[in-house]
Amino acid sequence: MAVTDLTGKFVPELFDDYVSLKMLENDAFIQSGAAVTVPQARTFLQGPGQSINLPFWKQLVDEAANVSTDDSTSSSTPKALTSGKQIAIRQVLNQSWSAMNLVATYTGSDPIKHVADNVIDYWGARRQARIIASLDGVLADNEANDSGDMVNDIAVTTGTPADSNKFSAEAFIDAQATMGDKLGQLAVMIVHDVVYTRMRKLNLIDFIPDARGETMISVYQGVRVLVDNGCTASGTPTVYTTYLLGSGSLAVDQIDDSVPSELDRTPATGDGGGQETFFSRQQMLIHPFGFQFLIASISDETPTIAELQAAAQWDRAFVRNRIPIAYLQTNG
């Protein structure tokens, strides 16, 4: 990765271009097709504003068609087309890391270069955490306001879980079935490593090379499996949430902030030994299609993880069978 020029000086432009290229290229959600970039979202992120309305046409009413006749005095009455809107919010984030120059002297390595080398993985993890938090919020809203029609919950919250309360092919199929006619679009599932371990022990996981043949990826029934211990695991006995995402179920995009990265040197710190601080800034849009994010009750311009997880922040805009997202809750 080109972070410095020939003189060894840190060049933000070289670094920022590299980060921008790799951020979306390495994203497993985009590679699987579950997440897509939306032109309107990219245009929005590149301009001003806290939120964007993503309009959509509502589904045509499923009712009987008119029967054609030769009666010239009778006319059909056209049905009205109705529209709705989804509201997505800009998320402006930053992080910084510092190290004393004396550390590099004694260790023989540059800690700031270590940060620069690993910042892509850092932001990838932060984005994935916010994706899961948003999906948790959608689930909370669904259970509070839509009778839990997106979730198959087979877990118990008291006593000792049986095999029937744990992940199985039948439980997976029942969760997928809540998607209605969108079930064939399933592209990726996100599981806690406890659930993944059970799947491995049941010999349910296949391994296939990725598109570039560089690494093996986990697949279950043709669906890519991502393992993330950020998946909700709560209670005693523990209830694990597995997330099922269809193609195009998430809008995800990310751009550099106005000053994406910079290096600050404070020579007086450490009694003159000096200190360097690396700053990194990103703007994101993460939005499950079919929902509105309700902005009024967040505490600042960008929602926290806890606010993304709250049922009160989300409201479903689509009918259930237009949303290729489902959940499975198990005890392992």
C-alpha atoms as a PDB file:
ATOM      1  CA  MET A   1       0.000   0.000   0.000  1.00  0.00           C
ATOM      2  CA  ALA A   2       1.410   3.394  -0.980  1.00  0.00           C
ATOM      3  CA  VAL A   3       1.206   5.546   2.157  1.00  0.00           C
ATOM      4  CA  THR A   4       4.353   7.622   1.721  1.00  0.00           C
ATOM      5  CA  ASP A   5       6.176   9.351  -1.109  1.00  0.00           C
ATOM      6  CA  LEU A   6       9.852   8.817  -2.019  1.00  0.00           C
ATOM      7  CA  THR A   7      10.991  11.020   0.865  1.00  0.00           C
ATOM      8  CA  GLY A   8       9.129   8.881   3.400  1.00  0.00           C
ATOM      9  CA  LYS A   9       6.597  11.641   4.097  1.00  0.00           C
ATOM     10  CA  PHE A  10       2.996  10.563   4.773  1.00  0.00           C
ATOM     11  CA  VAL A  11       0.823  11.524   1.772  1.00  0.00           C
ATOM     12  CA  PRO A  12      -2.918  11.494   2.646  1.00  0.00           C
ATOM     13  CA  GLU A  13      -3.980  11.536  -1.011  1.00  0.00           C
ATOM     14  CA  LEU A  14      -2.154   8.276  -1.761  1.00  0.00           C
ATOM     15  CA  PHE A  15      -3.514   6.627   1.346  1.00  0.00           C
ATOM     16  CA  ASP A  16      -7.097   7.892   0.932  1.00  0.00           C
ATOM     17  CA  ASP A  17      -7.333   6.698  -2.681  1.00  0.00           C
ATOM     18  CA  TYR A  18      -6.208   3.232  -1.628  1.00  0.00           C
ATOM     19  CA  VAL A  19      -8.665   3.050   1.283  1.00  0.00           C
ATOM     20  CA  SER A  20     -11.584   4.196  -0.877  1.00  0.00           C
ATOM     21  CA  LEU A  21     -10.793   1.536  -3.482  1.00  0.00           C
ATOM     22  CA  LYS A  22     -10.463  -1.329  -1.006  1.00  0.00           C
ATOM     23  CA  MET A  23     -13.342  -0.442   1.331  1.00  0.00           C
ATOM     24  CA  LEU A  24     -16.156  -1.565  -0.959  1.00  0.00           C
ATOM     25  CA  GLU A  25     -14.037  -4.059  -2.919  1.00  0.00           C
ATOM     26  CA  ASN A  26     -13.441  -6.135   0.238  1.00  0.00           C
ATOM     27  CA  ASP A  27     -17.008  -5.959   1.540  1.00  0.00           C
ATOM     28  CA  ALA A  28     -18.524  -9.461   1.857  1.00  0.00           C
ATOM     29  CA  PHE A  29     -22.072  -8.091   1.785  1.00  0.00           C
ATOM     30  CA  ILE A  30     -21.467  -6.449  -1.589  1.00  0.00           C
ATOM     31  CA  GLN A  31     -19.605  -9.487  -2.930  1.00  0.00           C
ATOM     32  CA  SER A  32     -22.588 -11.693  -2.027  1.00  0.00           C
ATOM     33  CA  GLY A  33     -25.098  -9.314  -3.615  1.00  0.00           C
ATOM     34  CA  ALA A  34     -26.973  -8.750  -0.342  1.00  0.00           C
ATOM     35  CA  ALA A  35     -25.805  -5.131  -0.264  1.00  0.00           C
ATOM     36  CA  VAL A  36     -25.897  -2.767  -3.224  1.00  0.00           C
ATOM     37  CA  THR A  37     -24.752   0.771  -3.862  1.00  0.00           C
ATOM     38  CA  VAL A  38     -27.521   3.132  -4.940  1.00  0.00           C
ATOM     39  CA  PRO A  39     -26.759   6.114  -7.204  1.00  0.00           C
ATOM     40  CA  GLN A  40     -29.089   8.403  -5.235  1.00  0.00           C
ATOM     41  CA  ALA A  41     -27.320   7.450  -1.996  1.00  0.00           C
ATOM     42  CA  ARG A  42     -23.853   8.155  -3.416  1.00  0.00           C
ATOM     43  CA  THR A  43     -25.054  11.539  -4.755  1.00  0.00           C
ATOM     44  CA  PHE A  44     -26.551  12.311  -1.344  1.00  0.00           C
ATOM     45  CA  LEU A  45     -23.362  11.408   0.529  1.00  0.00           C
ATOM     46  CA  GLN A  46     -21.336  13.631  -1.769  1.00  0.00           C
ATOM     47  CA  GLY A  47     -23.581  16.599  -0.949  1.00  0.00           C
ATOM     48  CA  PRO A  48     -25.108  18.166   2.177  1.00  0.00           C
ATOM     49  CA  GLY A  49     -27.900  16.940   4.439  1.00  0.00           C
ATOM     50  CA  GLN A  50     -28.597  14.544   7.309  1.00  0.00           C
ATOM     51  CA  SER A  51     -31.064  12.207   5.591  1.00  0.00           C
ATOM     52  CA  ILE A  52     -32.368  11.166   2.194  1.00  0.00           C
ATOM     53  CA  ASN A  53     -35.821  10.090   1.065  1.00  0.00           C
ATOM     54  CA  LEU A  54     -35.739   7.073  -1.222  1.00  0.00           C
ATOM     55  CA  PRO A  55     -39.166   7.039  -2.918  1.00  0.00           C
ATOM     56  CA  PHE A  56     -40.792   3.845  -4.197  1.00  0.00           C
ATOM     57  CA  TRP A  57     -43.986   2.694  -5.873  1.00  0.00           C
ATOM     58  CA  LYS A  58     -46.215   0.613  -3.648  1.00  0.00           C
ATOM     59  CA  GLN A  59     -47.169  -2.883  -4.798  1.00  0.00           C
ATOM     60  CA  LEU A  60     -50.136  -3.216  -7.140  1.00  0.00           C
ATOM     61  CA  VAL A  61     -53.225  -4.494  -5.342  1.00  0.00           C
ATOM     62  CA  ASP A  62     -53.632  -8.246  -5.845  1.00  0.00           C
ATOM     63  CA  GLU A  63     -57.238  -8.409  -7.093  1.00  0.00           C
ATOM     64  CA  ALA A  64     -59.183  -9.886  -9.962  1.00  0.00           C
ATOM     65  CA  ALA A  65     -58.685  -8.393 -13.434  1.00  0.00           C
ATOM     66  CA  ASN A  66     -61.581  -6.882 -15.399  1.00  0.00           C
ATOM     67  CA  VAL A  67     -63.343  -9.136 -17.871  1.00  0.00           C
ATOM     68  CA  SER A  68     -63.277  -7.603 -21.346  1.00  0.00           C
ATOM     69  CA  THR A  69     -66.662  -7.159 -23.072  1.00  0.00           C
ATOM     70  CA  ASP A  70     -68.116  -5.696 -26.273  1.00  0.00           C
ATOM     71  CA  ASP A  71     -70.328  -3.282 -24.321  1.00  0.00           C
ATOM     72  CA  SER A  72     -69.388   0.175 -25.620  1.00  0.00           C
ATOM     73  CA  THR A  73     -71.282   1.889 -22.794  1.00  0.00           C
ATOM     74  CA  SER A  74     -69.194   0.306 -20.031  1.00  0.00           C
ATOM     75  CA  SER A  75     -65.750   1.599 -19.038  1.00  0.00           C
ATOM     76  CA  SER A  76     -63.159   0.361 -16.619  1.00  0.00           C
ATOM     77  CA  THR A  77     -62.046   2.479 -13.688  1.00  0.00           C
ATOM     78  CA  PRO A  78     -58.231   2.768 -13.478  1.00  0.00           C
ATOM     79  CA  LYS A  79     -56.655   1.919 -10.163  1.00  0.00           C
ATOM     80  CA  ALA A  80     -54.556   4.573  -8.482  1.00  0.00           C
ATOM     81  CA  LEU A  81     -50.794   4.145  -8.255  1.00  0.00           C
ATOM     82  CA  THR A  82     -49.530   5.032  -4.796  1.00  0.00           C
ATOM     83  CA  SER A  83     -46.022   5.793  -3.658  1.00  0.00           C
ATOM     84  CA  GLY A  84     -44.165   5.777  -0.364  1.00  0.00           C
ATOM     85  CA  LYS A  85     -40.769   6.755   0.918  1.00  0.00           C
ATOM     86  CA  GLN A  86     -37.892   5.274   2.830  1.00  0.00           C
ATOM     87  CA  ILE A  87     -35.757   7.522   4.984  1.00  0.00           C
ATOM     88  CA  ALA A  88     -32.042   6.750   5.272  1.00  0.00           C
ATOM     89  CA  ILE A  89     -29.564   8.658   7.423  1.00  0.00           C
ATOM     90  CA  ARG A  90     -25.975   9.783   6.926  1.00  0.00           C
ATOM     91  CA  GLN A  91     -23.545   8.365   9.497  1.00  0.00           C
ATOM     92  CA  VAL A  92     -20.429  10.480  10.077  1.00  0.00           C
ATOM     93  CA  LEU A  93     -17.706   8.670  12.032  1.00  0.00           C
ATOM     94  CA  ASN A  94     -14.097   9.097  13.019  1.00  0.00           C
ATOM     95  CA  GLN A  95     -11.350   7.440  15.043  1.00  0.00           C
ATOM     96  CA  SER A  96      -7.777   8.333  15.981  1.00  0.00           C
ATOM     97  CA  TRP A  97      -4.740   6.486  17.292  1.00  0.00           C
ATOM     98  CA  SER A  98      -1.588   7.890  18.840  1.00  0.00           C
ATOM     99  CA  ALA A  99       1.872   6.633  19.751  1.00  0.00           C
ATOM    100  CA  MET A 100       4.952   8.115  21.320  1.00  0.00           C
ATOM    101  CA  ASN A 101       7.965   8.328  19.022  1.00  0.00           C
ATOM    102  CA  LEU A 102       9.988   6.526  21.674  1.00  0.00           C
ATOM    103  CA  VAL A 103       7.905   3.386  20.997  1.00  0.00           C
ATOM    104  CA  ALA A 104       9.243   3.196  17.438  1.00  0.00           C
ATOM    105  CA  THR A 105      12.767   3.676  18.732  1.00  0.00           C
ATOM    106  CA  TYR A 106      12.579   0.724  21.135  1.00  0.00           C
ATOM    107  CA  THR A 107      10.453  -1.655  19.059  1.00  0.00           C
ATOM    108  CA  GLY A 108      12.056  -1.019  15.697  1.00  0.00           C
ATOM    109  CA  SER A 109       8.671  -0.623  14.012  1.00  0.00           C
ATOM    110  CA  ASP A 110       6.427   2.320  13.244  1.00  0.00           C
ATOM    111  CA  PRO A 111       3.135   2.111  15.214  1.00  0.00           C
ATOM    112  CA  ILE A 112       1.478   4.753  13.038  1.00  0.00           C
ATOM    113  CA  LYS A 113       2.287   2.745   9.910  1.00  0.00           C
ATOM    114  CA  HIS A 114       0.700  -0.251  11.656  1.00  0.00           C
ATOM    115  CA  VAL A 115      -2.493   1.788  12.094  1.00  0.00           C
ATOM    116  CA  ALA A 116      -2.439   2.887   8.454  1.00  0.00           C
ATOM    117  CA  ASP A 117      -1.960  -0.715   7.317  1.00  0.00           C
ATOM    118  CA  ASN A 118      -4.967  -1.917   9.337  1.00  0.00           C
ATOM    119  CA  VAL A 119      -7.453   0.944   9.066  1.00  0.00           C
ATOM    120  CA  ILE A 120      -9.370  -0.743   6.218  1.00  0.00           C
ATOM    121  CA  ASP A 121     -10.121  -3.742   8.416  1.00  0.00           C
ATOM    122  CA  TYR A 122     -11.096  -1.388  11.241  1.00  0.00           C
ATOM    123  CA  TRP A 123     -13.670   0.455   9.141  1.00  0.00           C
ATOM    124  CA  GLY A 124     -14.934  -2.782   7.608  1.00  0.00           C
ATOM    125  CA  ALA A 125     -15.638  -4.094  11.110  1.00  0.00           C
ATOM    126  CA  ARG A 126     -17.326  -0.827  12.127  1.00  0.00           C
ATOM    127  CA  ARG A 127     -19.572  -0.929   9.074  1.00  0.00           C
ATOM    128  CA  GLN A 128     -20.506  -4.557   9.702  1.00  0.00           C
ATOM    129  CA  ALA A 129     -21.352  -3.703  13.325  1.00  0.00           C
ATOM    130  CA  ARG A 130     -23.666  -0.950  12.125  1.00  0.00           C
ATOM    131  CA  ILE A 131     -25.281  -3.255   9.590  1.00  0.00           C
ATOM    132  CA  ILE A 132     -26.060  -5.773  12.339  1.00  0.00           C
ATOM    133  CA  ALA A 133     -27.281  -3.020  14.684  1.00  0.00           C
ATOM    134  CA  SER A 134     -29.636  -1.740  11.958  1.00  0.00           C
ATOM    135  CA  LEU A 135     -30.950  -5.267  11.391  1.00  0.00           C
ATOM    136  CA  ASP A 136     -31.460  -5.613  15.159  1.00  0.00           C
ATOM    137  CA  GLY A 137     -33.514  -2.415  15.114  1.00  0.00           C
ATOM    138  CA  VAL A 138     -35.631  -3.698  12.232  1.00  0.00           C
ATOM    139  CA  LEU A 139     -36.205  -6.945  14.158  1.00  0.00           C
ATOM    140  CA  ALA A 140     -37.182  -5.050  17.319  1.00  0.00           C
ATOM    141  CA  ASP A 141     -39.652  -2.946  15.309  1.00  0.00           C
ATOM    142  CA  ASN A 142     -41.030  -6.070  13.647  1.00  0.00           C
ATOM    143  CA  GLU A 143     -41.670  -7.815  16.949  1.00  0.00           C
ATOM    144  CA  ALA A 144     -43.176  -4.672  18.492  1.00  0.00           C
ATOM    145  CA  ASN A 145     -45.384  -3.556  15.613  1.00  0.00           C
ATOM    146  CA  ASP A 146     -45.767  -6.283  12.974  1.00  0.00           C
ATOM    147  CA  SER A 147     -46.418  -9.467  14.972  1.00  0.00           C
ATOM    148  CA  GLY A 148     -42.897 -10.801  14.388  1.00  0.00           C
ATOM    149  CA  ASP A 149     -43.738 -11.908  10.853  1.00  0.00           C
ATOM    150  CA  MET A 150     -40.067 -11.739   9.825  1.00  0.00           C
ATOM    151  CA  VAL A 151     -38.707 -14.118  12.488  1.00  0.00           C
ATOM    152  CA  ASN A 152     -38.789 -17.828  13.268  1.00  0.00           C
ATOM    153  CA  ASP A 153     -38.098 -18.044  17.004  1.00  0.00           C
ATOM    154  CA  ILE A 154     -37.525 -21.592  18.282  1.00  0.00           C
ATOM    155  CA  ALA A 155     -35.399 -20.654  21.296  1.00  0.00           C
ATOM    156  CA  VAL A 156     -36.320 -21.038  24.947  1.00  0.00           C
ATOM    157  CA  THR A 157     -35.488 -18.424  27.561  1.00  0.00           C
ATOM    158  CA  THR A 158     -35.753 -20.689  30.611  1.00  0.00           C
ATOM    159  CA  GLY A 159     -34.688 -24.221  31.403  1.00  0.00           C
ATOM    160  CA  THR A 160     -32.332 -26.367  29.375  1.00  0.00           C
ATOM    161  CA  PRO A 161     -32.531 -26.031  25.565  1.00  0.00           C
ATOM    162  CA  ALA A 162     -33.167 -29.223  23.571  1.00  0.00           C
ATOM    163  CA  ASP A 163     -31.890 -29.981  20.077  1.00  0.00           C
ATOM    164  CA  SER A 164     -35.255 -28.763  18.791  1.00  0.00           C
ATOM    165  CA  ASN A 165     -34.350 -25.276  20.095  1.00  0.00           C
ATOM    166  CA  LYS A 166     -31.060 -25.177  18.180  1.00  0.00           C
ATOM    167  CA  PHE A 167     -30.123 -24.544  14.563  1.00  0.00           C
ATOM    168  CA  SER A 168     -31.390 -27.136  12.093  1.00  0.00           C
ATOM    169  CA  ALA A 169     -32.197 -27.349   8.406  1.00  0.00           C
ATOM    170  CA  GLU A 170     -35.905 -27.325   9.259  1.00  0.00           C
ATOM    171  CA  ALA A 171     -35.601 -24.183  11.392  1.00  0.00           C
ATOM    172  CA  PHE A 172     -33.626 -22.457   8.630  1.00  0.00           C
ATOM    173  CA  ILE A 173     -36.261 -23.338   6.014  1.00  0.00           C
ATOM    174  CA  ASP A 174     -39.054 -22.054   8.260  1.00  0.00           C
ATOM    175  CA  ALA A 175     -37.221 -18.746   8.754  1.00  0.00           C
ATOM    176  CA  GLN A 176     -36.592 -18.457   5.026  1.00  0.00           C
ATOM    177  CA  ALA A 177     -40.291 -19.158   4.385  1.00  0.00           C
ATOM    178  CA  THR A 178     -41.279 -15.962   6.215  1.00  0.00           C
ATOM    179  CA  MET A 179     -39.865 -14.106   3.188  1.00  0.00           C
ATOM    180  CA  GLY A 180     -42.713 -15.422   1.042  1.00  0.00           C
ATOM    181  CA  ASP A 181     -41.954 -15.318  -2.672  1.00  0.00           C
ATOM    182  CA  LYS A 182     -38.647 -13.526  -1.938  1.00  0.00           C
ATOM    183  CA  LEU A 183     -37.170 -16.677  -0.364  1.00  0.00           C
ATOM    184  CA  GLY A 184     -35.407 -17.571  -3.605  1.00  0.00           C
ATOM    185  CA  GLN A 185     -33.371 -14.343  -3.359  1.00  0.00           C
ATOM    186  CA  LEU A 186     -31.500 -15.390  -0.203  1.00  0.00           C
ATOM    187  CA  ALA A 187     -27.830 -14.439  -0.665  1.00  0.00           C
ATOM    188  CA  VAL A 188     -26.090 -14.399   2.711  1.00  0.00           C
ATOM    189  CA  MET A 189     -26.639 -15.387   6.326  1.00  0.00           C
ATOM    190  CA  ILE A 190     -24.814 -13.955   9.325  1.00  0.00           C
ATOM    191  CA  VAL A 191     -24.303 -16.302  12.263  1.00  0.00           C
ATOM    192  CA  HIS A 192     -22.646 -16.243  15.674  1.00  0.00           C
ATOM    193  CA  ASP A 193     -19.683 -18.584  15.957  1.00  0.00           C
ATOM    194  CA  VAL A 194     -21.642 -20.798  18.406  1.00  0.00           C
ATOM    195  CA  VAL A 195     -24.277 -21.376  15.714  1.00  0.00           C
ATOM    196  CA  TYR A 196     -21.567 -21.819  13.077  1.00  0.00           C
ATOM    197  CA  THR A 197     -19.840 -24.452  15.219  1.00  0.00           C
ATOM    198  CA  ARG A 198     -23.109 -26.386  15.482  1.00  0.00           C
ATOM    199  CA  MET A 199     -23.544 -26.174  11.709  1.00  0.00           C
ATOM    200  CA  ARG A 200     -20.016 -27.536  11.247  1.00  0.00           C
ATOM    201  CA  LYS A 201     -20.657 -30.418  13.653  1.00  0.00           C
ATOM    202  CA  LEU A 202     -23.839 -31.277  11.755  1.00  0.00           C
ATOM    203  CA  ASN A 203     -21.772 -31.287   8.546  1.00  0.00           C
ATOM    204  CA  LEU A 204     -23.975 -28.570   7.039  1.00  0.00           C
ATOM    205  CA  ILE A 205     -21.231 -26.277   5.751  1.00  0.00           C
ATOM    206  CA  ASP A 206     -19.621 -26.533   2.326  1.00  0.00           C
ATOM    207  CA  PHE A 207     -16.440 -24.687   1.392  1.00  0.00           C
ATOM    208  CA  ILE A 208     -15.927 -23.218  -2.064  1.00  0.00           C
ATOM    209  CA  PRO A 209     -13.243 -20.899  -3.499  1.00  0.00           C
ATOM    210  CA  ASP A 210     -14.113 -17.232  -3.818  1.00  0.00           C
ATOM    211  CA  ALA A 211     -14.402 -15.555  -7.227  1.00  0.00           C
ATOM    212  CA  ARG A 212     -10.648 -14.945  -7.396  1.00  0.00           C
ATOM    213  CA  GLY A 213      -9.731 -18.381  -6.089  1.00  0.00           C
ATOM    214  CA  GLU A 214      -7.709 -16.806  -3.278  1.00  0.00           C
ATOM    215  CA  THR A 215      -9.610 -18.109  -0.252  1.00  0.00           C
ATOM    216  CA  MET A 216     -12.363 -20.532   0.711  1.00  0.00           C
ATOM    217  CA  ILE A 217     -15.772 -19.236   1.733  1.00  0.00           C
ATOM    218  CA  SER A 218     -18.427 -20.990   3.814  1.00  0.00           C
ATOM    219  CA  VAL A 219     -21.721 -21.868   2.129  1.00  0.00           C
ATOM    220  CA  TYR A 220     -24.954 -23.424   3.407  1.00  0.00           C
ATOM    221  CA  GLN A 221     -27.611 -24.529   0.888  1.00  0.00           C
ATOM    222  CA  GLY A 222     -26.010 -22.252  -1.684  1.00  0.00           C
ATOM    223  CA  VAL A 223     -26.071 -19.274   0.699  1.00  0.00           C
ATOM    224  CA  ARG A 224     -22.858 -17.571   1.786  1.00  0.00           C
ATOM    225  CA  VAL A 225     -22.257 -17.784   5.555  1.00  0.00           C
ATOM    226  CA  LEU A 226     -20.594 -14.919   7.409  1.00  0.00           C
ATOM    227  CA  VAL A 227     -19.474 -15.501  10.996  1.00  0.00           C
ATOM    228  CA  ASP A 228     -19.650 -12.500  13.306  1.00  0.00           C
ATOM    229  CA  ASN A 229     -19.704 -12.544  17.086  1.00  0.00           C
ATOM    230  CA  GLY A 230     -21.459  -9.200  16.915  1.00  0.00           C
ATOM    231  CA  CYS A 231     -24.634 -11.155  16.166  1.00  0.00           C
ATOM    232  CA  THR A 232     -27.022 -10.686  19.061  1.00  0.00           C
ATOM    233  CA  ALA A 233     -26.523 -13.255  21.813  1.00  0.00           C
ATOM    234  CA  SER A 234     -28.448 -12.541  25.001  1.00  0.00           C
ATOM    235  CA  GLY A 235     -30.122 -14.090  28.020  1.00  0.00           C
ATOM    236  CA  THR A 236     -29.691 -17.316  29.990  1.00  0.00           C
ATOM    237  CA  PRO A 237     -29.948 -19.711  28.273  1.00  0.00           C
ATOM    238  CA  THR A 238     -28.414 -17.722  25.445  1.00  0.00           C
ATOM    239  CA  VAL A 239     -30.596 -16.852  22.458  1.00  0.00           C
ATOM    240  CA  TYR A 240     -28.635 -16.333  19.237  1.00  0.00           C
ATOM    241  CA  THR A 241     -29.989 -14.323  16.296  1.00  0.00           C
ATOM    242  CA  THR A 242     -29.150 -15.450  12.766  1.00  0.00           C
ATOM    243  CA  TYR A 243     -29.746 -12.918   9.981  1.00  0.00           C
ATOM    244  CA  LEU A 244     -30.938 -13.993   6.506  1.00  0.00           C
ATOM    245  CA  LEU A 245     -30.460 -11.407   3.765  1.00  0.00           C
ATOM    246  CA  GLY A 246     -31.678 -11.588   0.199  1.00  0.00           C
ATOM    247  CA  SER A 247     -30.077 -10.001  -2.850  1.00  0.00           C
ATOM    248  CA  GLY A 248     -30.323  -6.235  -2.757  1.00  0.00           C
ATOM    249  CA  SER A 249     -31.773  -6.132   0.753  1.00  0.00           C
ATOM    250  CA  LEU A 250     -29.357  -3.450   1.977  1.00  0.00           C
ATOM    251  CA  ALA A 251     -28.214  -0.135   0.588  1.00  0.00           C
ATOM    252  CA  VAL A 252     -24.593   0.327   1.659  1.00  0.00           C
ATOM    253  CA  ASP A 253     -22.168   3.032   0.630  1.00  0.00           C
ATOM    254  CA  GLN A 254     -19.203   4.808   2.120  1.00  0.00           C
ATOM    255  CA  ILE A 255     -17.220   7.877   1.138  1.00  0.00           C
ATOM    256  CA  ASP A 256     -14.268   9.779   2.499  1.00  0.00           C
ATOM    257  CA  ASP A 257     -15.001  12.666   4.833  1.00  0.00           C
ATOM    258  CA  SER A 258     -13.855  16.140   3.762  1.00  0.00           C
ATOM    259  CA  VAL A 259     -10.484  15.405   5.397  1.00  0.00           C
ATOM    260  CA  PRO A 260     -10.371  11.578   5.380  1.00  0.00           C
ATOM    261  CA  SER A 261      -7.018  11.131   7.105  1.00  0.00           C
ATOM    262  CA  GLU A 262      -4.254  13.209   8.562  1.00  0.00           C
ATOM    263  CA  LEU A 263      -1.195  12.824  10.708  1.00  0.00           C
ATOM    264  CA  ASP A 264      -0.605  15.210  13.583  1.00  0.00           C
ATOM    265  CA  ARG A 265       2.762  15.523  15.303  1.00  0.00           C
ATOM    266  CA  THR A 266       3.144  16.999  18.790  1.00  0.00           C
ATOM    267  CA  PRO A 267       6.891  17.438  19.343  1.00  0.00           C
ATOM    268  CA  ALA A 268       6.691  18.687  22.963  1.00  0.00           C
ATOM    269  CA  THR A 269       4.870  15.616  24.293  1.00  0.00           C
ATOM    270  CA  GLY A 270       6.949  13.092  26.203  1.00  0.00           C
ATOM    271  CA  ASP A 271       9.318  15.792  27.450  1.00  0.00           C
ATOM    272  CA  GLY A 272      10.251  16.516  23.867  1.00  0.00           C
ATOM    273  CA  GLY A 273      10.331  12.910  22.661  1.00  0.00           C
ATOM    274  CA  GLY A 274       7.339  13.621  20.473  1.00  0.00           C
ATOM    275  CA  GLN A 275       4.009  11.969  19.727  1.00  0.00           C
ATOM    276  CA  GLU A 276       2.169  11.212  16.486  1.00  0.00           C
ATOM    277  CA  THR A 277      -1.591  10.849  16.119  1.00  0.00           C
ATOM    278  CA  PHE A 278      -3.304   9.346  13.087  1.00  0.00           C
ATOM    279  CA  PHE A 279      -6.879  10.505  12.370  1.00  0.00           C
ATOM    280  CA  SER A 280      -9.302   8.630  10.085  1.00  0.00           C
ATOM    281  CA  ARG A 281     -12.788   9.807   9.089  1.00  0.00           C
ATOM    282  CA  GLN A 282     -15.546   8.154   7.052  1.00  0.00           C
ATOM    283  CA  GLN A 283     -19.154   8.804   6.083  1.00  0.00           C
ATOM    284  CA  MET A 284     -21.534   5.861   5.626  1.00  0.00           C
ATOM    285  CA  LEU A 285     -25.043   5.111   4.518  1.00  0.00           C
ATOM    286  CA  ILE A 286     -26.414   1.764   5.727  1.00  0.00           C
ATOM    287  CA  HIS A 287     -30.086   1.118   5.135  1.00  0.00           C
ATOM    288  CA  PRO A 288     -32.296  -1.999   5.019  1.00  0.00           C
ATOM    289  CA  PHE A 289     -34.637  -1.584   2.060  1.00  0.00           C
ATOM    290  CA  GLY A 290     -38.308  -1.351   2.975  1.00  0.00           C
ATOM    291  CA  PHE A 291     -37.910   0.721   6.136  1.00  0.00           C
ATOM    292  CA  GLN A 292     -37.805   4.293   7.338  1.00  0.00           C
ATOM    293  CA  PHE A 293     -35.274   5.459   9.886  1.00  0.00           C
ATOM    294  CA  LEU A 294     -37.056   7.820  12.298  1.00  0.00           C
ATOM    295  CA  ILE A 295     -34.651  10.647  13.037  1.00  0.00           C
ATOM    296  CA  ALA A 296     -36.543  12.756  15.592  1.00  0.00           C
ATOM    297  CA  SER A 297     -35.458  10.936  18.748  1.00  0.00           C
ATOM    298  CA  ILE A 298     -31.728  10.408  18.154  1.00  0.00           C
ATOM    299  CA  SER A 299     -29.427  12.352  20.456  1.00  0.00           C
ATOM    300  CA  ASP A 300     -27.048  13.719  17.794  1.00  0.00           C
ATOM    301  CA  GLU A 301     -26.665  13.987  14.037  1.00  0.00           C
ATOM    302  CA  THR A 302     -25.394  10.404  13.662  1.00  0.00           C
ATOM    303  CA  PRO A 303     -27.146   7.532  15.470  1.00  0.00           C
ATOM    304  CA  THR A 304     -25.248   5.477  18.009  1.00  0.00           C
ATOM    305  CA  ILE A 305     -25.188   1.682  17.851  1.00  0.00           C
ATOM    306  CA  ALA A 306     -27.794   1.579  20.640  1.00  0.00           C
ATOM    307  CA  GLU A 307     -30.063   3.960  18.710  1.00  0.00           C
ATOM    308  CA  LEU A 308     -29.758   1.851  15.553  1.00  0.00           C
ATOM    309  CA  GLN A 309     -30.874  -1.169  17.608  1.00  0.00           C
ATOM    310  CA  ALA A 310     -33.979   0.534  19.015  1.00  0.00           C
ATOM    311  CA  ALA A 311     -37.434  -0.420  17.733  1.00  0.00           C
ATOM    312  CA  ALA A 312     -38.547   3.210  18.067  1.00  0.00           C
ATOM    313  CA  GLN A 313     -36.104   4.294  15.335  1.00  0.00           C
ATOM    314  CA  TRP A 314     -37.588   2.125  12.573  1.00  0.00           C
ATOM    315  CA  ASP A 315     -40.886   1.811  10.753  1.00  0.00           C
ATOM    316  CA  ARG A 316     -41.717  -0.627   7.969  1.00  0.00           C
ATOM    317  CA  ALA A 317     -42.626   1.012   4.659  1.00  0.00           C
ATOM    318  CA  PHE A 318     -43.023  -2.097   2.439  1.00  0.00           C
ATOM    319  CA  VAL A 319     -45.424  -5.007   2.790  1.00  0.00           C
ATOM    320  CA  ARG A 320     -43.761  -8.127   4.208  1.00  0.00           C
ATOM    321  CA  ASN A 321     -43.448 -10.080   0.961  1.00  0.00           C
ATOM    322  CA  ARG A 322     -41.403  -7.294  -0.642  1.00  0.00           C
ATOM    323  CA  ILE A 323     -38.661  -7.453   1.993  1.00  0.00           C
ATOM    324  CA  PRO A 324     -36.009 -10.194   1.496  1.00  0.00           C
ATOM    325  CA  ILE A 325     -34.880 -10.171   5.140  1.00  0.00           C
ATOM    326  CA  ALA A 326     -35.624 -12.802   7.792  1.00  0.00           C
ATOM    327  CA  TYR A 327     -34.390 -13.880  11.209  1.00  0.00           C
ATOM    328  CA  LEU A 328     -33.872 -17.155  13.016  1.00  0.00           C
ATOM    329  CA  GLN A 329     -33.552 -17.243  16.807  1.00  0.00           C
ATOM    330  CA  THR A 330     -32.107 -20.357  18.376  1.00  0.00           C
ATOM    331  CA  ASN A 331     -30.247 -21.540  21.482  1.00  0.00           C
ATOM    332  CA  GLY A 332     -27.215 -22.544  19.444  1.00  0.00           C
END
